[in-house]
Protein backbone atom coordinates (compact mmCIF):
# COMPACT_ATOMS: atom_id res chain seq x y z
CA MET A 1 -34.09 2.55 -16.34
CA LYS A 2 -32.30 -0.80 -16.46
CA ILE A 3 -31.00 -1.81 -13.04
CA PHE A 4 -28.54 -4.64 -12.33
CA GLY A 5 -27.83 -6.00 -8.87
CA ILE A 6 -24.81 -8.28 -8.70
CA ASP A 7 -23.77 -10.52 -5.82
CA PHE A 8 -20.08 -11.06 -6.59
CA THR A 9 -17.71 -13.89 -5.72
CA SER A 10 -13.96 -14.18 -6.16
CA ALA A 11 -14.22 -17.74 -7.52
CA PRO A 12 -17.39 -18.24 -9.58
CA ALA A 13 -18.43 -21.86 -10.03
CA PRO A 14 -21.67 -23.84 -10.44
CA ARG A 15 -21.96 -24.22 -6.67
CA LYS A 16 -21.28 -20.52 -5.98
CA PRO A 17 -21.90 -18.41 -9.10
CA ILE A 18 -21.94 -14.66 -9.53
CA THR A 19 -25.64 -13.83 -9.24
CA CYS A 20 -27.26 -10.99 -11.19
CA VAL A 21 -30.77 -9.60 -10.76
CA TYR A 22 -32.03 -7.79 -13.85
CA ALA A 23 -34.70 -5.21 -13.04
CA GLU A 24 -36.37 -2.13 -14.44
CA LEU A 25 -37.03 1.07 -12.49
CA SER A 26 -40.13 3.09 -13.33
CA GLY A 27 -40.59 5.97 -10.92
CA ASP A 28 -40.38 4.41 -7.46
CA ASP A 29 -41.25 0.91 -8.69
CA LEU A 30 -38.47 -1.62 -9.19
CA HIS A 31 -39.67 -4.60 -11.22
CA VAL A 32 -37.48 -7.71 -11.16
CA ARG A 33 -37.41 -9.37 -14.59
CA ARG A 34 -35.03 -12.30 -14.13
CA VAL A 35 -32.08 -13.72 -12.21
CA ASP A 36 -28.94 -14.93 -13.98
CA ARG A 37 -26.14 -17.03 -12.50
CA TRP A 38 -22.66 -16.77 -14.02
CA THR A 39 -20.10 -19.49 -13.45
CA SER A 40 -17.23 -17.56 -15.02
CA PHE A 41 -15.79 -14.06 -15.02
CA ALA A 42 -16.35 -13.94 -18.78
CA SER A 43 -20.10 -13.56 -18.23
CA PHE A 44 -19.49 -10.78 -15.71
CA GLU A 45 -17.22 -8.98 -18.18
CA ALA A 46 -19.83 -9.35 -20.93
CA ALA A 47 -22.47 -7.82 -18.66
CA LEU A 48 -20.25 -4.80 -17.97
CA ALA A 49 -19.77 -4.38 -21.72
CA GLN A 50 -23.51 -4.26 -22.49
CA SER A 51 -24.62 -1.02 -24.10
CA GLY A 52 -26.34 1.43 -21.79
CA PRO A 53 -28.10 3.17 -20.35
CA TRP A 54 -27.99 1.11 -17.17
CA ILE A 55 -26.77 1.29 -13.60
CA ALA A 56 -25.43 -1.64 -11.58
CA GLY A 57 -24.82 -2.15 -7.88
CA ILE A 58 -22.07 -4.71 -7.26
CA ASP A 59 -21.21 -6.24 -3.90
CA PHE A 60 -17.44 -6.09 -3.50
CA PRO A 61 -15.06 -3.39 -2.24
CA PHE A 62 -14.00 -1.24 -5.18
CA GLY A 63 -10.99 0.20 -3.35
CA GLN A 64 -8.53 -0.11 -0.49
CA SER A 65 -7.97 2.28 2.40
CA SER A 66 -5.74 5.27 1.73
CA LYS A 67 -3.68 4.34 4.79
CA PHE A 68 -2.91 0.92 3.36
CA ILE A 69 -2.14 2.27 -0.12
CA GLU A 70 0.28 4.82 1.29
CA ASN A 71 1.98 2.39 3.66
CA ILE A 72 2.47 -0.39 1.13
CA GLY A 73 3.80 2.00 -1.52
CA TRP A 74 1.36 1.28 -4.33
CA PRO A 75 0.47 4.11 -6.78
CA SER A 76 -1.51 6.76 -4.94
CA ASP A 77 -4.47 7.10 -7.34
CA TRP A 78 -7.29 4.57 -7.86
CA PRO A 79 -6.60 3.77 -11.54
CA GLY A 80 -2.90 3.53 -10.78
CA TYR A 81 -3.07 1.09 -7.90
CA VAL A 82 -5.83 -0.98 -9.48
CA ARG A 83 -3.74 -1.29 -12.65
CA HIS A 84 -0.76 -2.22 -10.44
CA VAL A 85 -2.84 -4.97 -8.80
CA SER A 86 -4.01 -6.22 -12.20
CA ARG A 87 -0.41 -7.11 -13.07
CA MET A 88 -0.10 -9.42 -10.07
CA SER A 89 -0.99 -13.06 -9.88
CA ARG A 90 -3.47 -14.08 -7.21
CA SER A 91 -0.67 -15.62 -5.15
CA GLU A 92 1.46 -12.48 -5.44
CA PHE A 93 -1.45 -10.36 -4.23
CA ARG A 94 -1.92 -12.69 -1.25
CA GLU A 95 1.79 -12.59 -0.46
CA GLN A 96 1.87 -8.79 -0.43
CA LEU A 97 -1.13 -8.53 1.90
CA ASP A 98 0.21 -11.27 4.17
CA ALA A 99 3.64 -9.60 4.36
CA TYR A 100 2.03 -6.26 5.18
CA ARG A 101 0.12 -7.74 8.12
CA LYS A 102 2.95 -9.85 9.47
CA HIS A 103 4.91 -7.34 11.57
CA ARG A 104 2.19 -4.79 12.35
CA ALA A 105 0.72 -4.38 15.80
CA PRO A 106 -2.60 -6.03 16.67
CA GLY A 107 -5.44 -3.77 15.62
CA ASP A 108 -3.31 -2.15 12.93
CA LYS A 109 -2.98 -5.03 10.48
CA GLU A 110 -6.05 -4.50 8.29
CA HIS A 111 -7.47 -1.05 7.65
CA ARG A 112 -11.00 -0.03 6.80
CA ARG A 113 -12.01 2.76 4.46
CA SER A 114 -14.12 5.63 5.73
CA THR A 115 -17.11 4.07 3.99
CA ASP A 116 -16.45 0.71 5.68
CA VAL A 117 -16.47 2.35 9.10
CA ALA A 118 -19.73 4.14 8.29
CA ALA A 119 -21.37 0.99 6.87
CA GLY A 120 -20.04 -1.47 9.43
CA SER A 121 -18.28 -3.53 6.75
CA ILE A 122 -14.95 -5.33 7.06
CA SER A 123 -11.54 -4.32 5.75
CA PRO A 124 -11.04 -4.82 2.00
CA GLN A 125 -7.68 -6.40 2.89
CA LYS A 126 -9.45 -9.42 4.41
CA LEU A 127 -8.37 -12.70 2.79
CA PHE A 128 -10.10 -15.20 5.07
CA GLY A 129 -13.66 -15.84 6.16
CA VAL A 130 -15.42 -13.59 3.67
CA PRO A 131 -12.40 -12.96 1.38
CA VAL A 132 -13.33 -9.46 0.26
CA GLY A 133 -9.65 -8.79 -0.51
CA LEU A 134 -9.81 -11.41 -3.25
CA MET A 135 -13.12 -9.97 -4.44
CA PHE A 136 -11.38 -6.60 -4.82
CA PHE A 137 -8.50 -8.32 -6.63
CA GLU A 138 -10.82 -9.96 -9.16
CA GLY A 139 -13.42 -7.20 -9.45
CA ALA A 140 -11.71 -3.81 -9.43
CA PRO A 141 -9.37 -4.43 -12.40
CA ARG A 142 -12.36 -5.62 -14.44
CA LEU A 143 -14.19 -2.38 -13.66
CA LEU A 144 -11.17 -0.38 -14.79
CA GLU A 145 -10.78 -2.44 -17.97
CA SER A 146 -14.49 -2.13 -18.83
CA ALA A 147 -14.33 1.70 -18.89
CA VAL A 148 -17.58 2.09 -16.97
CA THR A 149 -18.24 5.16 -14.83
CA VAL A 150 -17.90 4.74 -11.08
CA PRO A 151 -19.21 8.05 -9.72
CA GLY A 152 -16.55 9.93 -7.82
CA VAL A 153 -13.91 7.31 -8.63
CA LEU A 154 -13.65 6.54 -12.36
CA LYS A 155 -14.89 8.57 -15.32
CA GLY A 156 -15.87 6.31 -18.19
CA ASP A 157 -18.93 5.64 -20.30
CA SER A 158 -21.68 7.91 -18.93
CA GLU A 159 -24.38 5.38 -19.89
CA ARG A 160 -22.80 2.48 -18.02
CA ILE A 161 -22.78 3.37 -14.33
CA VAL A 162 -21.51 1.13 -11.53
CA VAL A 163 -21.78 1.76 -7.79
CA GLU A 164 -20.47 -0.28 -4.90
CA ALA A 165 -23.29 -2.05 -3.09
CA TYR A 166 -23.37 -3.67 0.33
CA PRO A 167 -26.51 -5.71 1.01
CA GLY A 168 -25.62 -6.20 4.66
CA ILE A 169 -26.42 -2.64 5.65
CA LEU A 170 -29.74 -2.74 3.80
CA ALA A 171 -30.70 -6.05 5.43
CA ARG A 172 -29.91 -4.55 8.84
CA HIS A 173 -32.11 -1.57 8.01
CA LEU A 174 -34.99 -3.95 7.29
CA ILE A 175 -34.66 -6.63 9.99
CA GLY A 176 -31.96 -5.50 12.41
CA ARG A 177 -29.13 -7.92 13.05
CA GLN A 178 -31.10 -11.12 12.54
CA SER A 179 -29.24 -13.81 10.62
CA TYR A 180 -30.85 -14.42 7.24
CA LYS A 181 -28.41 -16.66 5.37
CA ASN A 182 -25.66 -19.25 5.56
CA ASP A 183 -23.77 -21.13 2.85
CA ASN A 184 -23.16 -24.03 5.24
CA ARG A 185 -26.13 -26.42 5.00
CA LYS A 186 -25.67 -27.55 8.59
CA LYS A 187 -26.12 -23.96 9.80
CA GLN A 188 -29.19 -23.10 7.76
CA THR A 189 -32.28 -22.59 9.93
CA ASP A 190 -36.02 -21.96 9.69
CA GLU A 191 -35.44 -18.66 11.48
CA GLN A 192 -33.15 -17.54 8.65
CA LYS A 193 -35.81 -18.44 6.11
CA ASP A 194 -38.37 -16.44 8.07
CA ALA A 195 -35.96 -13.49 8.09
CA ARG A 196 -35.51 -13.70 4.31
CA ASN A 197 -39.27 -13.78 3.83
CA THR A 198 -39.60 -10.74 6.07
CA ILE A 199 -37.02 -8.84 4.02
CA VAL A 200 -38.87 -9.63 0.79
CA HIS A 201 -42.25 -8.70 2.25
CA ARG A 202 -40.95 -5.36 3.51
CA LEU A 203 -39.42 -4.61 0.12
CA GLN A 204 -42.75 -5.41 -1.54
CA VAL A 205 -44.97 -3.30 0.73
CA GLY A 206 -42.80 -0.21 0.42
CA ASN A 207 -40.83 -0.05 3.66
CA LEU A 208 -37.98 1.57 1.71
CA LEU A 209 -40.03 4.26 -0.01
CA VAL A 210 -39.00 6.95 2.46
CA SER A 211 -35.33 5.97 2.85
CA HIS A 212 -34.48 4.65 -0.62
CA GLY A 213 -37.37 5.77 -2.81
CA VAL A 214 -38.04 2.21 -3.99
CA ARG A 215 -40.88 -0.31 -3.86
CA VAL A 216 -39.92 -3.77 -5.15
CA HIS A 217 -42.06 -6.00 -7.34
CA VAL A 218 -40.66 -9.53 -7.11
CA ASN A 219 -41.86 -13.10 -6.63
CA ASP A 220 -41.72 -14.45 -3.09
CA ASP A 221 -39.49 -17.34 -4.16
CA ILE A 222 -36.46 -15.05 -4.35
CA ALA A 223 -36.22 -15.75 -0.60
CA ASP A 224 -35.92 -19.53 -1.06
CA ASP A 225 -32.12 -19.72 -1.47
CA PRO A 226 -30.61 -20.40 2.01
CA GLY A 227 -27.35 -18.74 0.94
CA ALA A 228 -29.38 -15.66 -0.08
CA ASP A 229 -27.32 -14.97 -3.20
CA ASP A 230 -30.51 -14.09 -5.12
CA LEU A 231 -31.78 -11.90 -2.29
CA ASP A 232 -28.42 -10.16 -1.86
CA ALA A 233 -28.34 -9.41 -5.59
CA LEU A 234 -31.82 -7.89 -5.23
CA LEU A 235 -30.64 -5.71 -2.34
CA CYS A 236 -27.75 -4.56 -4.54
CA ALA A 237 -30.29 -3.63 -7.21
CA VAL A 238 -32.23 -1.56 -4.66
CA GLN A 239 -29.06 0.34 -3.76
CA ALA A 240 -28.34 0.95 -7.47
CA ALA A 241 -31.90 2.24 -7.92
CA TRP A 242 -31.41 4.63 -5.00
CA ALA A 243 -28.19 5.88 -6.59
CA TRP A 244 -30.03 6.47 -9.87
CA HIS A 245 -32.62 8.57 -8.04
CA LYS A 246 -29.67 10.60 -6.69
CA ARG A 247 -27.97 11.03 -10.06
CA GLU A 248 -28.23 14.83 -9.88
CA GLU A 249 -26.52 14.70 -6.47
CA ARG A 250 -23.35 12.78 -7.41
CA PHE A 251 -25.40 9.52 -7.40
CA GLY A 252 -25.50 9.85 -3.62
CA ALA A 253 -21.73 9.97 -3.16
CA PRO A 254 -20.71 11.78 0.05
CA LEU A 255 -19.17 15.23 -0.13
CA ALA A 256 -16.24 13.92 1.94
CA LEU A 257 -15.52 11.17 -0.58
CA ASP A 258 -11.94 9.97 -0.90
CA PRO A 259 -11.85 9.04 -4.62
CA ASN A 260 -9.04 6.58 -4.02
CA GLU A 261 -11.07 4.57 -1.49
CA GLY A 262 -14.50 4.56 -3.13
CA TRP A 263 -17.86 4.56 -1.37
CA ILE A 264 -20.87 2.35 -0.64
CA ALA A 265 -24.15 3.46 -2.23
CA ASP A 266 -26.75 3.56 0.53
CA PRO A 267 -28.39 6.46 2.39
CA MET A 268 -27.56 4.76 5.70
CA VAL A 269 -23.83 5.22 5.01
CA VAL A 270 -23.19 8.67 6.47
CA TYR A 271 -19.78 10.14 7.26
């Protein structure tokens, strides 16, 4: 089975591209074939349009919290509110999220989905730091337009499957809360490089066979990038491979899934 792992960004450029690991899954063995780096959304859209069968794990929040959607008054279903967002400019989207936060009480300004709480990930409304709100703004409408299937969320082409990935939870499963990356050159350390090498080694020797049903075959140099875009894309591919193994069980989607929020594909995300 063809497996794609995609480390997404809201502003692809030569310095910070969208990174895609192409791999093949045979039984429990995930073989990495190549890594592509896309400096435009056009390449991302072309990848989504490729004929199947394939499954991709992509690292951005596919949805917003139901609480936020209800409070802000957007359409109440996932295709509806994503289509609504697609009609906005980037600045209009920012303005709406900023206005929503402005007069709300501390602790009630940005909401997390059930899957974010379970995974320990941040609110998909976040616009600063790691701007996952902008990643949602750029990514979700492209998923809708591409007519892929997002299990439990969007019914599209049954041979082009996309699941939401989150490499952070998989990295924590492998090495705990050690830091393993930084985009700021001044904050990149030998300890982070050692942590990346440890992640790769544990993927290679089969540490995830019990939890994820995957052993990874990849060159050690995938750990070389201090920003870990290549490694994060690989972790996304592992999560996509796990979802493929669970295809007869809703691709691993939880029974308590809120289809308007979406879900993160990883067995450690339990709620």
